[in-house]
Amino acid sequence: MGIFVCFCYNTVYYGGGNMLETKSTKKFKIIKGIICTLTLAMLVAAVIFLFIVDDMKKKRRLIFSIVQLLLMIGIIILPEQLKERLDLKIPIMLETSLTVFAFCGFVLGDVFDFYKKIPIWDSILHAFSGVILAYAGFVLIDYFVKRESVNISMGHMFICTSVVLFSLALGALWEIGEYLVDDIFGTNNQQYMKSTRGTLYGQKDVPLEGHAALGDTMKDLMLDLAGATAIVTIEYCKEDYRKKKAKKEDK
């Protein structure tokens, strides 16, 4: 995944070719289309079952699934809105990566309860979120630098440091959001329950206490940092190698 995203960024940021014109564009659009179709189909099915099911516990689960599927649709729509309103050029590979990542989180993680069934699912997603956020950070910096109204000259080390801090800041905002949602709706997004890792929990589930209750939040932030740092380190080494090679060719 890391190599995959590094390749995306390298192609766009260093002028390796217009990603919107590559042969793989259609494949990425097909992937997005399949995910969108599956999400809409599941949303319709969940709404129908909501009116059929009588059990309150199952109704609660269906309502939760509907909310997550609506959030998933929002993630699918978001890139198109940003491109239209901000004239932001978002590489199709970044769009697809974001869509797949959101599908793994909102749909597989919450709707299909992968967070409970696969204990490391949350950790895997947070590690990859650092990768995706770092890539998005490079794209945003490139966008602002190229705007006519902005004249910025930045060293590559400064850019890389800014990208890491950007990824970590968004990771922290995500954790704040999870805390607020847990506090308001009584969910287990921050996995503070000892007896379950699922987003929804029952009355018999037991919460963690003391230092252990902070474990998931701090682990998530460290994984966000690790993912972003890995991408930035690779990109910094690539740029350093490119500059040294250019100097040798000029001599």
Protein backbone atom coordinates (compact mmCIF):
# COMPACT_ATOMS: atom_id res chain seq x y z
CA MET A 1 0.00 0.00 0.00
CA GLY A 2 2.81 2.40 0.90
CA ILE A 3 4.64 1.73 -2.39
CA PHE A 4 1.31 2.07 -4.19
CA VAL A 5 0.67 5.54 -2.73
CA CYS A 6 4.28 6.67 -3.17
CA PHE A 7 3.99 5.83 -6.85
CA CYS A 8 0.81 7.88 -7.09
CA TYR A 9 2.42 10.91 -5.51
CA ASN A 10 5.60 10.57 -7.53
CA THR A 11 3.61 10.50 -10.75
CA VAL A 12 1.64 13.65 -9.99
CA TYR A 13 4.02 15.73 -7.87
CA TYR A 14 7.17 15.28 -9.91
CA GLY A 15 5.54 15.38 -13.31
CA GLY A 16 5.83 11.73 -14.16
CA GLY A 17 2.72 12.07 -16.33
CA ASN A 18 -0.87 13.19 -16.06
CA MET A 19 -2.64 10.56 -14.00
CA LEU A 20 -5.96 11.56 -15.52
CA GLU A 21 -4.64 10.38 -18.89
CA THR A 22 -3.13 7.01 -17.89
CA LYS A 23 -4.53 3.71 -19.05
CA SER A 24 -5.29 2.74 -15.46
CA THR A 25 -7.80 5.59 -15.05
CA LYS A 26 -10.67 3.43 -16.26
CA LYS A 27 -9.75 0.69 -13.79
CA PHE A 28 -9.86 3.11 -10.90
CA LYS A 29 -13.20 4.51 -12.04
CA ILE A 30 -14.57 0.96 -12.29
CA ILE A 31 -13.43 0.25 -8.72
CA LYS A 32 -15.15 3.42 -7.50
CA GLY A 33 -18.27 2.53 -9.48
CA ILE A 34 -18.42 -0.97 -7.97
CA ILE A 35 -18.02 0.39 -4.43
CA CYS A 36 -20.68 3.05 -5.05
CA THR A 37 -23.10 0.45 -6.44
CA LEU A 38 -22.52 -1.92 -3.52
CA THR A 39 -22.97 0.90 -1.01
CA LEU A 40 -26.24 2.07 -2.57
CA ALA A 41 -27.55 -1.51 -2.76
CA MET A 42 -26.73 -2.11 0.91
CA LEU A 43 -28.32 1.21 1.88
CA VAL A 44 -31.57 0.33 0.10
CA ALA A 45 -31.57 -3.15 1.67
CA ALA A 46 -30.92 -1.71 5.16
CA VAL A 47 -33.80 0.78 4.82
CA ILE A 48 -36.18 -1.97 3.66
CA PHE A 49 -35.19 -4.29 6.53
CA LEU A 50 -35.61 -1.43 8.99
CA PHE A 51 -39.36 -1.48 8.33
CA ILE A 52 -39.59 -5.28 8.37
CA VAL A 53 -37.61 -6.16 11.49
CA ASP A 54 -39.41 -5.95 14.85
CA ASP A 55 -36.52 -6.68 17.21
CA MET A 56 -35.24 -3.39 18.71
CA LYS A 57 -31.65 -4.58 18.94
CA LYS A 58 -31.64 -5.41 15.23
CA LYS A 59 -33.33 -2.08 14.45
CA ARG A 60 -30.59 -0.26 16.31
CA ARG A 61 -27.98 -2.14 14.31
CA LEU A 62 -29.75 -1.31 11.05
CA ILE A 63 -29.99 2.40 11.91
CA PHE A 64 -26.29 2.41 12.72
CA SER A 65 -25.54 0.68 9.39
CA ILE A 66 -27.64 3.22 7.49
CA VAL A 67 -25.71 6.11 9.05
CA GLN A 68 -22.37 4.49 8.14
CA LEU A 69 -23.52 3.84 4.55
CA LEU A 70 -24.65 7.46 4.22
CA LEU A 71 -21.22 8.59 5.44
CA MET A 72 -19.66 6.29 2.84
CA ILE A 73 -21.72 7.93 0.09
CA GLY A 74 -20.56 11.32 1.39
CA ILE A 75 -16.94 10.23 1.04
CA ILE A 76 -17.60 9.12 -2.55
CA ILE A 77 -19.17 12.48 -3.42
CA LEU A 78 -16.62 14.66 -1.57
CA PRO A 79 -13.75 14.59 -4.13
CA GLU A 80 -16.06 15.67 -6.96
CA GLN A 81 -17.35 18.58 -4.84
CA LEU A 82 -13.81 19.69 -3.98
CA LYS A 83 -12.77 19.57 -7.63
CA GLU A 84 -15.81 21.56 -8.70
CA ARG A 85 -15.81 24.23 -5.96
CA LEU A 86 -12.08 24.68 -5.35
CA ASP A 87 -10.79 23.73 -8.79
CA LEU A 88 -8.63 21.19 -6.99
CA LYS A 89 -7.02 18.54 -9.17
CA ILE A 90 -7.30 15.31 -7.22
CA PRO A 91 -5.48 12.36 -8.83
CA ILE A 92 -7.86 9.54 -9.62
CA MET A 93 -5.61 7.09 -7.75
CA LEU A 94 -5.93 9.22 -4.59
CA GLU A 95 -9.71 9.31 -5.02
CA THR A 96 -9.82 5.55 -5.39
CA SER A 97 -7.50 4.99 -2.43
CA LEU A 98 -9.69 7.22 -0.26
CA THR A 99 -12.84 5.42 -1.43
CA VAL A 100 -11.38 1.96 -0.76
CA PHE A 101 -10.09 3.09 2.63
CA ALA A 102 -13.49 4.52 3.61
CA PHE A 103 -15.21 1.33 2.42
CA CYS A 104 -12.88 -0.74 4.61
CA GLY A 105 -13.69 1.50 7.58
CA PHE A 106 -17.36 2.44 7.34
CA VAL A 107 -18.71 -0.60 5.51
CA LEU A 108 -16.45 -3.55 6.31
CA GLY A 109 -15.38 -2.22 9.71
CA ASP A 110 -18.74 -0.99 11.03
CA VAL A 111 -21.53 -2.49 8.93
CA PHE A 112 -19.93 -5.96 8.69
CA ASP A 113 -18.34 -5.60 12.13
CA PHE A 114 -14.75 -6.31 11.04
CA TYR A 115 -13.53 -4.25 14.01
CA LYS A 116 -14.93 -6.96 16.27
CA LYS A 117 -14.22 -9.98 14.09
CA ILE A 118 -10.64 -8.97 13.20
CA PRO A 119 -8.94 -7.37 16.23
CA ILE A 120 -6.13 -5.75 14.19
CA TRP A 121 -8.50 -4.27 11.58
CA ASP A 122 -8.50 -0.84 13.27
CA SER A 123 -4.69 -0.80 13.51
CA ILE A 124 -4.31 -1.71 9.83
CA LEU A 125 -6.62 1.11 8.78
CA HIS A 126 -4.89 3.69 10.97
CA ALA A 127 -1.49 2.74 9.56
CA PHE A 128 -2.83 3.18 6.03
CA SER A 129 -4.62 6.41 6.98
CA GLY A 130 -1.23 7.97 7.71
CA VAL A 131 -0.11 6.92 4.22
CA ILE A 132 -3.19 8.39 2.52
CA LEU A 133 -3.12 11.62 4.56
CA ALA A 134 0.56 12.12 3.72
CA TYR A 135 -0.21 11.71 0.03
CA ALA A 136 -3.13 14.14 0.35
CA GLY A 137 -0.83 16.59 2.13
CA PHE A 138 1.63 16.57 -0.78
CA VAL A 139 -1.21 17.14 -3.25
CA LEU A 140 -2.59 20.07 -1.20
CA ILE A 141 0.83 21.73 -0.92
CA ASP A 142 1.30 21.34 -4.66
CA TYR A 143 -2.16 22.91 -5.17
CA PHE A 144 -1.47 25.96 -3.01
CA VAL A 145 2.03 26.52 -4.38
CA LYS A 146 0.76 26.50 -7.97
CA ARG A 147 -2.03 29.00 -7.29
CA GLU A 148 -1.30 32.40 -8.83
CA SER A 149 -2.16 34.22 -5.60
CA VAL A 150 0.37 32.22 -3.56
CA ASN A 151 4.14 32.63 -3.91
CA ILE A 152 5.90 30.14 -1.68
CA SER A 153 9.44 28.83 -1.80
CA MET A 154 9.94 25.82 0.45
CA GLY A 155 12.74 23.36 0.96
CA HIS A 156 11.91 19.69 0.62
CA MET A 157 12.67 19.03 4.28
CA PHE A 158 10.14 21.72 5.27
CA ILE A 159 7.56 20.22 2.92
CA CYS A 160 8.07 16.73 4.35
CA THR A 161 7.86 17.98 7.93
CA SER A 162 4.66 19.90 7.11
CA VAL A 163 3.11 16.78 5.58
CA VAL A 164 3.85 14.69 8.68
CA LEU A 165 2.37 17.36 10.96
CA PHE A 166 -0.66 17.68 8.65
CA SER A 167 -1.28 13.92 8.82
CA LEU A 168 -0.87 13.85 12.60
CA ALA A 169 -3.18 16.86 13.04
CA LEU A 170 -5.95 15.23 11.02
CA GLY A 171 -5.42 12.00 12.95
CA ALA A 172 -5.88 13.94 16.21
CA LEU A 173 -9.05 15.60 14.87
CA TRP A 174 -10.38 12.15 13.95
CA GLU A 175 -9.76 10.93 17.51
CA ILE A 176 -11.58 13.98 18.90
CA GLY A 177 -14.49 13.17 16.59
CA GLU A 178 -14.53 9.55 17.78
CA TYR A 179 -14.55 10.69 21.40
CA LEU A 180 -17.49 13.06 20.82
CA VAL A 181 -19.48 10.42 18.92
CA ASP A 182 -18.84 7.87 21.68
CA ASP A 183 -19.85 10.38 24.34
CA ILE A 184 -23.05 11.48 22.57
CA PHE A 185 -24.28 8.21 21.06
CA GLY A 186 -22.78 5.66 23.43
CA THR A 187 -20.66 3.85 20.84
CA ASN A 188 -17.25 2.21 21.10
CA ASN A 189 -15.29 3.95 18.32
CA GLN A 190 -12.30 4.47 20.59
CA GLN A 191 -12.51 0.83 21.68
CA TYR A 192 -12.52 1.57 25.37
CA MET A 193 -14.49 -1.58 26.07
CA LYS A 194 -12.53 -4.54 27.43
CA SER A 195 -14.98 -7.24 26.34
CA THR A 196 -15.55 -6.14 22.71
CA ARG A 197 -13.82 -4.23 19.94
CA GLY A 198 -17.01 -3.68 17.96
CA THR A 199 -18.40 -0.17 17.47
CA LEU A 200 -21.67 -1.13 19.17
CA TYR A 201 -21.69 -2.77 22.58
CA GLY A 202 -24.24 -4.19 25.00
CA GLN A 203 -25.05 -3.67 28.65
CA LYS A 204 -22.99 -6.70 29.68
CA ASP A 205 -19.78 -5.37 28.08
CA VAL A 206 -17.11 -4.16 30.52
CA PRO A 207 -15.07 -0.95 29.96
CA LEU A 208 -11.31 -0.65 30.35
CA GLU A 209 -9.98 1.32 33.32
CA GLY A 210 -7.07 3.65 33.99
CA HIS A 211 -4.08 3.72 31.63
CA ALA A 212 -5.47 0.86 29.52
CA ALA A 213 -8.44 3.00 28.46
CA LEU A 214 -6.06 5.38 26.65
CA GLY A 215 -4.31 2.61 24.75
CA ASP A 216 -6.39 2.60 21.57
CA THR A 217 -6.30 6.37 21.04
CA MET A 218 -2.54 6.64 21.55
CA LYS A 219 -1.89 3.56 19.39
CA ASP A 220 -3.99 5.05 16.58
CA LEU A 221 -2.07 8.34 16.68
CA MET A 222 1.26 6.53 16.68
CA LEU A 223 0.18 4.44 13.69
CA ASP A 224 -0.94 7.61 11.85
CA LEU A 225 2.47 9.11 12.57
CA ALA A 226 4.30 5.94 11.49
CA GLY A 227 2.41 5.70 8.17
CA ALA A 228 3.00 9.36 7.31
CA THR A 229 6.65 9.23 8.36
CA ALA A 230 7.28 6.16 6.21
CA ILE A 231 5.91 7.87 3.08
CA VAL A 232 7.72 11.14 3.79
CA THR A 233 11.03 9.35 4.40
CA ILE A 234 10.76 7.47 1.11
CA GLU A 235 9.87 10.63 -0.78
CA TYR A 236 12.66 12.63 0.86
CA CYS A 237 15.22 9.97 -0.08
CA LYS A 238 13.88 9.89 -3.64
CA GLU A 239 14.14 13.67 -3.98
CA ASP A 240 17.61 13.70 -2.46
CA TYR A 241 18.72 11.01 -4.90
CA ARG A 242 17.18 12.94 -7.81
CA LYS A 243 19.06 16.12 -6.87
CA LYS A 244 22.39 14.30 -6.50
CA LYS A 245 21.89 12.60 -9.85
CA ALA A 246 21.05 15.95 -11.49
CA LYS A 247 24.23 17.51 -10.05
CA LYS A 248 26.36 14.67 -11.43
CA GLU A 249 24.81 15.08 -14.87
CA ASP A 250 25.50 18.84 -14.85
CA LYS A 251 29.23 18.31 -14.16
